[in-house]
Amino acid sequence: MIPKVLCVVGPTASGKTKLGVLLAKRYNGEVVSIDSMQIYKGMSIGTAAPAAAEMEGIPHHMVGVADPGDNWSAARFAAAADDCIQDILKRNKLPVLVGGTGLYLDAIIAGRTFAPGASGGAVRRALQEELEAGGIEPLLTELRRVDPEAAGRLHPSDTKRILRALEVYRETGKTISRHNEETRSLPKKYDPIYIGLAFRDREDMKELIDRRVDRMLEEGLPEEVRALRDAGVPRNSTALQAIGYKELLPALEGECSLEEAAAEIKLRSRQYAKRQLTWLRRNPEIHWIYWEKERNFAAAFQNATEILMAQGLQ
């Protein structure tokens, strides 16, 4: 039988961490964080990584395990998270996957591998040099020739994915579109039950996100960003592209005010939440629980357990 896993999903600030802990306690589970930024050490405030008190004794995996100067790819993340899931299953416990990084979660559930290609290697450096010398159009022309499907779905301004598609082709001789088609045909690795959290009124979500950003700033987010900078973490590292960190760096350098940075963090956070919802709502298997003005976790827990019972989880 395909192993069951429980997935608690939703946009930023929707309460995934708390509900994930409540359900892990109820179903003898352990939490695996599916968050592309919570993996980095020294970034607990800005990524809203759960503190020890919030974990309530439930083991949490994939939180604070990576050096912020080390750029983790989606493939590396998925492989490490899968190792955690397999270990939890071997100990006859329930993996509770909690997070809002939809691409990573989908790949883990499907058991999908990412196309090979050493991001940051010689081929990527060569592509980056070509981009800087001649712009994106020659590279996009090459992609249209070797992988018209990928070229057709990528916007010309999406340089990151254009370079990635060419990197895969130049290194392997196989297009990223062909790789994706082959992996989509494979059976799922896990049998997921999805619980989704969202606000019924988007304005309530936006208001909570703004309050959360204010709280992060009060709790020391600028100091957290300064510590990473002073430790020598490169400004273009994956970790410092996280929302909250990228916007505060200019403020620390005197390029803008703290108030301007805070406003930008709130805007980017709201935009990210919208993108997360767009991604998640493509999944018809998610059982949604909607918050009203405030988040009622007792009611959500009761609702979730009823859903899980109906799905065969006792």
Protein backbone atom coordinates (compact mmCIF):
# COMPACT_ATOMS: atom_id res chain seq x y z
CA MET A 1 0.00 0.00 0.00
CA ILE A 2 1.07 3.56 -0.65
CA PRO A 3 1.93 5.19 2.71
CA LYS A 4 -0.48 7.84 3.95
CA VAL A 5 0.77 11.30 4.84
CA LEU A 6 -1.12 14.27 6.23
CA CYS A 7 -0.55 17.64 4.56
CA VAL A 8 -1.48 20.93 6.22
CA VAL A 9 -1.29 23.66 3.60
CA GLY A 10 -2.27 27.28 3.11
CA PRO A 11 -0.87 30.74 2.51
CA THR A 12 1.50 32.54 4.83
CA ALA A 13 0.04 33.45 8.25
CA SER A 14 -2.87 31.03 7.89
CA GLY A 15 -2.07 29.03 11.03
CA LYS A 16 -0.50 25.93 9.48
CA THR A 17 2.12 25.51 12.20
CA LYS A 18 -0.35 25.44 15.08
CA LEU A 19 -2.87 23.14 13.40
CA GLY A 20 -0.04 20.87 12.25
CA VAL A 21 1.14 20.45 15.84
CA LEU A 22 -2.40 19.77 17.11
CA LEU A 23 -2.94 17.08 14.48
CA ALA A 24 0.50 15.54 15.02
CA LYS A 25 -0.31 15.19 18.73
CA ARG A 26 -3.67 13.58 17.93
CA TYR A 27 -2.37 11.12 15.33
CA ASN A 28 1.05 10.16 16.74
CA GLY A 29 2.84 12.18 14.09
CA GLU A 30 5.95 14.20 13.48
CA VAL A 31 6.09 17.40 11.47
CA VAL A 32 8.12 17.87 8.31
CA SER A 33 8.33 21.53 7.35
CA ILE A 34 7.80 22.08 3.63
CA ASP A 35 9.08 25.64 3.56
CA SER A 36 11.92 26.62 1.26
CA MET A 37 13.29 29.23 3.70
CA GLN A 38 12.72 27.71 7.16
CA ILE A 39 15.54 25.29 6.41
CA TYR A 40 18.14 28.03 6.92
CA LYS A 41 19.73 28.63 10.31
CA GLY A 42 19.52 32.06 11.91
CA MET A 43 16.33 33.02 10.09
CA SER A 44 13.66 32.03 12.59
CA ILE A 45 11.97 35.42 12.92
CA GLY A 46 11.55 36.32 9.27
CA THR A 47 10.50 32.83 8.16
CA ALA A 48 8.14 32.34 11.14
CA ALA A 49 9.94 29.09 11.95
CA PRO A 50 8.31 27.41 14.96
CA ALA A 51 10.00 28.04 18.29
CA ALA A 52 10.43 25.19 20.78
CA ALA A 53 7.35 26.30 22.74
CA GLU A 54 5.23 26.26 19.58
CA MET A 55 6.36 22.73 18.74
CA GLU A 56 4.84 21.48 22.02
CA GLY A 57 7.19 18.51 22.15
CA ILE A 58 6.41 17.36 18.60
CA PRO A 59 9.58 16.67 16.58
CA HIS A 60 9.96 19.06 13.65
CA HIS A 61 12.17 18.17 10.69
CA MET A 62 13.68 20.44 7.99
CA VAL A 63 13.78 23.51 10.25
CA GLY A 64 17.10 25.32 10.71
CA VAL A 65 19.19 22.55 9.13
CA ALA A 66 21.07 24.48 6.42
CA ASP A 67 23.77 27.11 6.41
CA PRO A 68 22.30 30.36 5.00
CA GLY A 69 25.28 30.72 2.68
CA ASP A 70 24.51 27.33 1.12
CA ASN A 71 22.00 27.51 -1.73
CA TRP A 72 19.57 24.60 -1.54
CA SER A 73 17.86 23.58 -4.76
CA ALA A 74 14.34 22.18 -4.94
CA ALA A 75 15.83 18.78 -5.75
CA ARG A 76 18.06 18.79 -2.67
CA PHE A 77 15.19 19.91 -0.45
CA ALA A 78 12.84 17.23 -1.77
CA ALA A 79 15.43 14.49 -1.28
CA ALA A 80 16.19 15.55 2.30
CA ALA A 81 12.50 15.91 3.21
CA ASP A 82 11.78 12.49 1.72
CA ASP A 83 14.48 10.95 3.89
CA CYS A 84 12.73 12.44 6.95
CA ILE A 85 9.35 11.08 5.82
CA GLN A 86 10.75 7.60 5.28
CA ASP A 87 12.34 7.63 8.75
CA ILE A 88 9.06 8.69 10.37
CA LEU A 89 7.17 5.92 8.56
CA LYS A 90 9.74 3.31 9.64
CA ARG A 91 9.00 4.25 13.24
CA ASN A 92 5.27 3.71 12.62
CA LYS A 93 4.43 7.38 13.00
CA LEU A 94 2.43 9.67 10.74
CA PRO A 95 4.34 12.23 8.67
CA VAL A 96 2.59 15.60 8.95
CA LEU A 97 3.80 17.79 6.10
CA VAL A 98 3.28 21.45 6.95
CA GLY A 99 4.04 24.31 4.62
CA GLY A 100 3.17 26.60 1.79
CA THR A 101 5.88 25.88 -0.78
CA GLY A 102 3.55 24.14 -3.22
CA LEU A 103 6.11 23.11 -5.83
CA TYR A 104 8.19 21.26 -3.24
CA LEU A 105 5.18 19.57 -1.66
CA ASP A 106 3.83 18.38 -5.01
CA ALA A 107 7.22 16.93 -5.95
CA ILE A 108 7.56 15.07 -2.64
CA ILE A 109 4.06 13.57 -2.80
CA ALA A 110 4.55 12.47 -6.39
CA GLY A 111 8.03 11.12 -5.74
CA ARG A 112 9.03 13.27 -8.67
CA THR A 113 12.69 13.87 -9.34
CA PHE A 114 13.89 17.21 -10.61
CA ALA A 115 15.72 17.43 -13.89
CA PRO A 116 19.48 17.03 -13.39
CA GLY A 117 21.80 19.95 -13.81
CA ALA A 118 24.31 21.38 -11.39
CA SER A 119 22.80 24.77 -10.62
CA GLY A 120 25.67 27.13 -9.95
CA GLY A 121 28.07 24.93 -11.94
CA ALA A 122 30.09 25.68 -15.07
CA VAL A 123 27.10 25.52 -17.44
CA ARG A 124 25.05 27.91 -15.31
CA ARG A 125 27.98 30.32 -15.04
CA ALA A 126 28.40 30.26 -18.82
CA LEU A 127 24.70 30.96 -19.30
CA GLN A 128 24.85 33.81 -16.81
CA GLU A 129 27.77 35.34 -18.71
CA GLU A 130 25.86 35.03 -21.99
CA LEU A 131 22.87 36.72 -20.37
CA GLU A 132 24.99 39.62 -19.12
CA ALA A 133 26.72 40.02 -22.50
CA GLY A 134 23.78 39.69 -24.90
CA GLY A 135 20.57 39.83 -22.90
CA ILE A 136 17.82 37.23 -22.71
CA GLU A 137 16.68 37.21 -26.34
CA PRO A 138 19.51 35.01 -27.80
CA LEU A 139 19.00 32.53 -24.97
CA LEU A 140 15.25 32.52 -25.46
CA THR A 141 15.79 31.94 -29.19
CA GLU A 142 17.94 28.90 -28.36
CA LEU A 143 15.29 27.59 -26.00
CA ARG A 144 12.58 28.02 -28.66
CA ARG A 145 14.71 25.88 -30.97
CA VAL A 146 15.53 23.03 -28.55
CA ASP A 147 12.46 23.08 -26.29
CA PRO A 148 9.57 25.04 -27.84
CA GLU A 149 7.16 23.77 -25.17
CA ALA A 150 9.18 25.28 -22.34
CA ALA A 151 9.82 28.47 -24.30
CA GLY A 152 6.10 28.84 -24.95
CA ARG A 153 5.10 28.69 -21.29
CA LEU A 154 7.87 30.94 -19.93
CA HIS A 155 7.60 34.71 -19.91
CA PRO A 156 10.62 36.46 -21.48
CA SER A 157 11.26 38.19 -18.14
CA ASP A 158 11.52 34.85 -16.30
CA THR A 159 15.26 34.64 -16.75
CA LYS A 160 15.73 32.19 -13.87
CA ARG A 161 13.59 29.47 -15.46
CA ILE A 162 14.88 30.15 -18.98
CA LEU A 163 18.44 29.64 -17.77
CA ARG A 164 17.37 26.52 -15.86
CA ALA A 165 15.74 24.99 -18.95
CA LEU A 166 18.84 25.63 -21.05
CA GLU A 167 21.09 24.36 -18.26
CA VAL A 168 19.23 21.04 -18.21
CA TYR A 169 19.41 20.67 -21.98
CA ARG A 170 23.08 21.60 -22.31
CA GLU A 171 24.12 19.28 -19.49
CA THR A 172 21.95 16.26 -20.30
CA GLY A 173 20.83 16.52 -23.94
CA LYS A 174 17.25 16.05 -22.69
CA THR A 175 14.77 18.89 -22.50
CA ILE A 176 13.21 19.86 -19.19
CA SER A 177 9.79 19.40 -20.82
CA ARG A 178 10.56 15.77 -21.66
CA HIS A 179 11.85 15.12 -18.16
CA ASN A 180 8.71 16.61 -16.61
CA GLU A 181 6.47 14.54 -18.89
CA GLU A 182 8.26 11.33 -17.93
CA THR A 183 8.02 12.02 -14.19
CA ARG A 184 4.34 12.98 -14.38
CA SER A 185 3.52 9.53 -15.70
CA LEU A 186 4.89 7.82 -12.57
CA PRO A 187 2.48 6.71 -9.79
CA LYS A 188 2.39 8.79 -6.60
CA LYS A 189 4.86 7.86 -3.89
CA TYR A 190 2.53 8.87 -1.04
CA ASP A 191 -1.21 8.89 -0.42
CA PRO A 192 -1.89 12.41 0.86
CA ILE A 193 -4.79 13.79 2.85
CA TYR A 194 -4.82 17.55 2.48
CA ILE A 195 -6.17 20.04 5.01
CA GLY A 196 -6.11 23.61 3.71
CA LEU A 197 -6.38 26.79 5.78
CA ALA A 198 -7.49 30.13 4.36
CA PHE A 199 -9.46 33.22 5.30
CA ARG A 200 -12.94 33.53 3.86
CA ASP A 201 -12.37 37.26 3.40
CA ARG A 202 -9.05 38.18 1.75
CA GLU A 203 -9.00 41.50 3.59
CA ASP A 204 -8.77 39.63 6.91
CA MET A 205 -5.77 37.71 5.58
CA LYS A 206 -4.07 40.92 4.45
CA GLU A 207 -4.67 42.55 7.83
CA LEU A 208 -3.19 39.57 9.69
CA ILE A 209 -0.14 39.52 7.38
CA ASP A 210 0.48 43.22 8.08
CA ARG A 211 0.22 42.67 11.84
CA ARG A 212 2.56 39.71 11.57
CA VAL A 213 5.19 41.79 9.76
CA ASP A 214 4.94 44.48 12.44
CA ARG A 215 5.47 41.81 15.11
CA MET A 216 8.51 40.38 13.28
CA LEU A 217 10.08 43.83 13.15
CA GLU A 218 9.43 44.34 16.86
CA GLU A 219 10.90 40.92 17.67
CA GLY A 220 14.19 41.75 15.97
CA LEU A 221 13.98 40.98 12.25
CA PRO A 222 16.34 43.87 11.34
CA GLU A 223 18.92 42.51 13.78
CA GLU A 224 18.47 39.01 12.33
CA VAL A 225 19.14 40.34 8.81
CA ARG A 226 22.13 42.38 10.05
CA ALA A 227 23.62 39.28 11.69
CA LEU A 228 23.39 37.33 8.43
CA ARG A 229 24.99 40.18 6.50
CA ASP A 230 27.77 40.60 9.05
CA ALA A 231 28.41 36.85 8.99
CA GLY A 232 29.28 37.18 5.30
CA VAL A 233 26.18 35.58 3.78
CA PRO A 234 26.24 36.79 0.14
CA ARG A 235 23.57 39.31 -0.74
CA ASN A 236 22.57 37.22 -3.78
CA SER A 237 22.29 33.97 -1.78
CA THR A 238 19.01 32.07 -1.84
CA ALA A 239 18.49 32.72 1.88
CA LEU A 240 18.70 36.49 1.50
CA GLN A 241 16.16 36.46 -1.33
CA ALA A 242 13.52 35.52 1.26
CA ILE A 243 10.76 38.04 1.83
CA GLY A 244 11.71 40.28 4.73
CA TYR A 245 15.43 39.82 4.24
CA LYS A 246 15.77 41.12 0.70
CA GLU A 247 13.72 44.23 1.53
CA LEU A 248 15.56 45.03 4.78
CA LEU A 249 19.07 44.86 3.36
CA PRO A 250 18.75 48.24 1.57
CA ALA A 251 17.46 49.80 4.80
CA LEU A 252 20.50 48.51 6.69
CA GLU A 253 22.73 50.04 4.01
CA GLY A 254 20.94 53.38 4.27
CA GLU A 255 19.43 53.05 0.80
CA CYS A 256 15.87 53.43 2.13
CA SER A 257 14.11 53.96 5.44
CA LEU A 258 12.96 51.18 7.77
CA GLU A 259 9.37 52.35 7.23
CA GLU A 260 9.74 52.00 3.46
CA ALA A 261 11.24 48.53 3.88
CA ALA A 262 8.40 47.49 6.19
CA ALA A 263 5.80 48.65 3.66
CA GLU A 264 7.57 46.66 0.94
CA ILE A 265 7.70 43.52 3.12
CA LYS A 266 3.96 43.76 3.73
CA LEU A 267 3.26 44.19 0.02
CA ARG A 268 5.50 41.28 -1.00
CA SER A 269 4.04 39.06 1.72
CA ARG A 270 0.48 39.74 0.56
CA GLN A 271 1.46 39.08 -3.05
CA TYR A 272 3.15 35.82 -2.04
CA ALA A 273 0.06 34.69 -0.12
CA LYS A 274 -2.03 35.32 -3.23
CA ARG A 275 0.35 33.23 -5.35
CA GLN A 276 0.27 30.43 -2.77
CA LEU A 277 -3.53 30.34 -2.88
CA THR A 278 -3.52 30.31 -6.67
CA TRP A 279 -1.16 27.31 -6.67
CA LEU A 280 -3.03 25.40 -3.97
CA ARG A 281 -6.49 25.93 -5.45
CA ARG A 282 -5.47 23.96 -8.51
CA ASN A 283 -5.50 20.88 -6.25
CA PRO A 284 -9.05 19.47 -5.99
CA GLU A 285 -8.01 17.08 -3.19
CA ILE A 286 -7.60 19.82 -0.57
CA HIS A 287 -10.26 19.95 2.14
CA TRP A 288 -10.50 23.65 2.95
CA ILE A 289 -11.22 25.10 6.38
CA TYR A 290 -12.05 28.79 6.20
CA TRP A 291 -11.34 31.28 8.95
CA GLU A 292 -13.76 34.07 9.66
CA LYS A 293 -12.46 37.32 11.20
CA GLU A 294 -10.35 35.47 13.77
CA ARG A 295 -8.72 32.04 13.73
CA ASN A 296 -10.54 29.50 15.92
CA PHE A 297 -8.12 26.60 16.27
CA ALA A 298 -10.38 24.48 18.47
CA ALA A 299 -13.06 24.54 15.79
CA ALA A 300 -10.52 23.95 13.02
CA PHE A 301 -9.07 20.97 14.88
CA GLN A 302 -12.52 19.45 15.32
CA ASN A 303 -13.32 20.05 11.66
CA ALA A 304 -10.01 18.56 10.55
CA THR A 305 -10.39 15.41 12.65
CA GLU A 306 -13.85 14.83 11.16
CA ILE A 307 -12.41 15.18 7.66
CA LEU A 308 -9.53 12.83 8.46
CA MET A 309 -11.87 10.24 9.98
CA ALA A 310 -13.97 10.31 6.82
CA GLN A 311 -10.75 9.75 4.86
CA GLY A 312 -9.94 6.65 6.90
CA LEU A 313 -7.43 8.13 9.35
CA GLN A 314 -8.26 6.92 12.88
